[in-house]
Protein backbone atom coordinates (compact mmCIF):
# COMPACT_ATOMS: atom_id res chain seq x y z
CA MET A 1 15.58 -16.16 -8.77
CA ASP A 2 15.72 -18.61 -6.12
CA LYS A 3 12.12 -19.48 -5.23
CA ILE A 4 9.66 -20.56 -7.89
CA VAL A 5 6.07 -20.23 -6.95
CA SER A 6 2.90 -21.67 -8.80
CA PHE A 7 0.10 -19.74 -10.39
CA LYS A 8 -2.11 -21.27 -7.76
CA ASP A 9 0.06 -19.76 -4.99
CA PHE A 10 0.21 -16.46 -6.67
CA THR A 11 -3.60 -16.29 -6.77
CA LYS A 12 -3.89 -16.48 -2.98
CA VAL A 13 -2.34 -12.84 -2.84
CA ASP A 14 -5.03 -10.55 -2.91
CA LEU A 15 -3.73 -7.32 -4.82
CA ARG A 16 -6.35 -4.47 -5.11
CA VAL A 17 -6.29 -0.96 -6.25
CA GLY A 18 -7.37 1.74 -3.84
CA THR A 19 -7.24 5.44 -3.46
CA ILE A 20 -5.46 7.25 -0.84
CA ILE A 21 -7.92 9.50 1.01
CA GLU A 22 -5.82 10.61 3.95
CA VAL A 23 -2.07 11.00 4.60
CA LEU A 24 -0.65 11.78 8.12
CA ASP A 25 2.80 12.01 9.47
CA PHE A 26 3.86 8.99 11.54
CA PRO A 27 6.29 10.45 14.26
CA LYS A 28 6.36 7.30 16.31
CA ALA A 29 7.58 5.08 13.54
CA ARG A 30 11.18 3.80 13.77
CA ASN A 31 11.97 4.95 10.19
CA PRO A 32 10.28 7.97 8.53
CA ALA A 33 6.92 7.08 7.37
CA TYR A 34 3.25 8.04 6.63
CA GLN A 35 -0.01 6.68 7.87
CA LEU A 36 -2.08 6.16 4.81
CA THR A 37 -5.99 5.78 4.76
CA ILE A 38 -6.95 4.01 1.63
CA ASP A 39 -10.47 3.53 -0.14
CA PHE A 40 -10.88 -0.08 -1.69
CA GLY A 41 -14.43 0.38 -2.77
CA ALA A 42 -16.57 -2.70 -1.76
CA PHE A 43 -13.52 -3.98 0.36
CA GLY A 44 -13.59 -1.03 2.65
CA ILE A 45 -11.22 1.66 3.87
CA LYS A 46 -7.89 0.29 5.23
CA LYS A 47 -4.87 1.86 6.93
CA SER A 48 -1.40 1.19 5.99
CA SER A 49 2.05 2.44 7.23
CA ALA A 50 4.50 3.38 4.37
CA GLN A 51 7.95 4.58 4.29
CA ILE A 52 7.78 6.64 1.34
CA THR A 53 8.62 10.17 2.95
CA GLU A 54 11.65 10.67 0.78
CA ARG A 55 10.09 10.41 -2.52
CA TYR A 56 6.32 11.53 -2.02
CA THR A 57 4.84 14.64 -0.10
CA LYS A 58 1.62 14.18 1.57
CA GLU A 59 -0.07 16.59 -1.16
CA GLU A 60 1.20 14.09 -3.84
CA LEU A 61 -0.20 11.07 -2.11
CA LEU A 62 -3.66 12.38 -1.48
CA GLN A 63 -6.23 11.03 -4.15
CA LYS A 64 -3.35 8.80 -5.63
CA GLN A 65 -4.49 5.25 -6.67
CA VAL A 66 -2.18 2.42 -5.38
CA VAL A 67 -1.73 -1.25 -5.37
CA ALA A 68 -1.95 -3.22 -1.86
CA VAL A 69 -2.09 -6.58 -0.76
CA LEU A 70 -5.31 -6.75 1.41
CA ASN A 71 -5.00 -10.56 2.70
CA PHE A 72 -1.91 -10.19 5.05
CA PRO A 73 -2.55 -10.45 8.69
CA LYS A 74 -2.88 -7.03 10.50
CA LYS A 75 0.58 -5.52 11.78
CA GLN A 76 1.13 -3.42 14.70
CA ILE A 77 3.69 -0.69 14.03
CA ALA A 78 4.28 1.54 17.10
CA ASN A 79 0.77 2.70 18.14
CA PHE A 80 -0.66 2.10 14.69
CA ILE A 81 -2.36 -0.96 13.16
CA SER A 82 -1.42 -1.64 9.61
CA GLU A 83 -4.14 -3.47 7.69
CA CYS A 84 -2.82 -3.85 4.18
CA LEU A 85 0.53 -3.62 2.57
CA VAL A 86 1.03 -1.08 -0.15
CA VAL A 87 3.21 -2.23 -3.09
CA GLY A 88 6.16 -0.51 -4.48
CA ALA A 89 9.51 -1.14 -6.18
CA VAL A 90 12.47 -0.70 -4.11
CA GLU A 91 15.54 1.14 -5.65
CA GLY A 92 18.51 1.38 -2.90
CA LYS A 93 16.36 2.61 0.04
CA ASP A 94 13.90 4.41 -2.04
CA VAL A 95 10.31 2.93 -2.64
CA ILE A 96 8.37 3.93 -5.74
CA LEU A 97 4.69 3.03 -5.59
CA LEU A 98 3.09 0.88 -8.02
CA HIS A 99 -0.09 2.41 -9.48
CA PRO A 100 -2.58 1.80 -12.34
CA GLU A 101 -1.70 3.77 -15.57
CA GLN A 102 -5.21 5.19 -15.78
CA CYS A 103 -7.88 5.71 -12.91
CA ILE A 104 -9.75 2.62 -12.22
CA GLU A 105 -12.61 1.53 -9.89
CA ASN A 106 -11.38 1.18 -6.10
CA GLY A 107 -11.13 -2.60 -5.24
CA ALA A 108 -10.34 -3.67 -8.76
CA SER A 109 -8.09 -6.88 -8.68
CA VAL A 110 -4.61 -7.00 -9.92
CA ILE A 111 -3.55 -10.05 -11.68
């Protein structure tokens, strides 16, 4: 661990739980990816691109709760605007999504 952050810095990251309500293929992405539409309850519906096609099918992702960062700036990826960053653990080139152990209200804060 090279960089130490303070708790105050960590609290600036707005991590929230949301439910994936739509999964589309993303053929224009440089690397295989899906376009996700995620419901964050009171924080709205947001879109994200995720390179998770090796581990997850579209059917597995639909209605799955995930954790995402909501306060990053929007990012254009090909012809798509990503509005949040879905969080996962990286194992080699594989990404394993982080998600709550039990169903929780969309928009719940992660601390």
